[in-house]
Amino acid sequence: MKLIFINLFFSQLFFIQFVFSAGFIPEKFSANITQVYTSKITKAEKKSTGQVIYQSPHQIYFEITAPDPFTFVANASKSWYFRPPFIKGEKAQLTIKDSAQLGLIKVLDALQKEIISNTLFTVKKNDKFAEITFSADFKKDLEYEGVQIYLKDLKANYELANTEKLVLVKKDKTTVNLFFEKLDVPKENFQATKFIFTAPDPNNTVISY
């Protein structure tokens, strides 16, 4: 279940980078993040909170602190998914993969798309809302139909800092609301070591590939 969530967020962030890289998302940033969605099983609203650090190209540090903590780190070659023990005495779990195995890395190869209709997606937008619908060919290997962007203010520029929320529309028509808070865009690049993960206690960690 956690790996599904990881792929969910990872794909969300890179959909955003892909569709709105012409000024929408910074080349590097950190932010607190909240993801809200409705459980298919219980129909109850679910909320996860944490932190994201992103740097182009293809680098992310994503940590969920509540309610179920885990850490996901990726760079251009490797990705790491780490889950600490649920209970005392249990081993931590670490999954290491090639980044290409994430399936959505191709999205990162097209970073200069503007918010205009093209062969990959169609766009409808006004002064406070933009709706992107992916083409049949583009979405066949993806989880989503498209992305919706809601701006905080009318006629604000389409930038991440001006966004009230992002709504990811899945193929089954369910949605995920994504909120960014305390956005910081540093002048200097993050150190490369930020996007490499080592288990805190290797002797108490089950590692899989």
Foldseek 3Di string as FASTA:
>chain_A
DVVVVVLVVVLVVLQCQLAALQAAEDQWKKWKKKKWFADPVPRDIDIWIWMWTHHPDWWIWTWTDPDQTWIWFTHQFKIKTWHCDPDPPAFIEIEMDTPVVSQNSVSSVRRNHHQDDDQQWHWDDFQFKIWIAGDPVNCVSPFFRTKMWGFPDGNDDNYLVRTQWMWTQGPVRTIMIMDTHPMDDDPDDDDPVSRDDDDPDVVRYDYYD
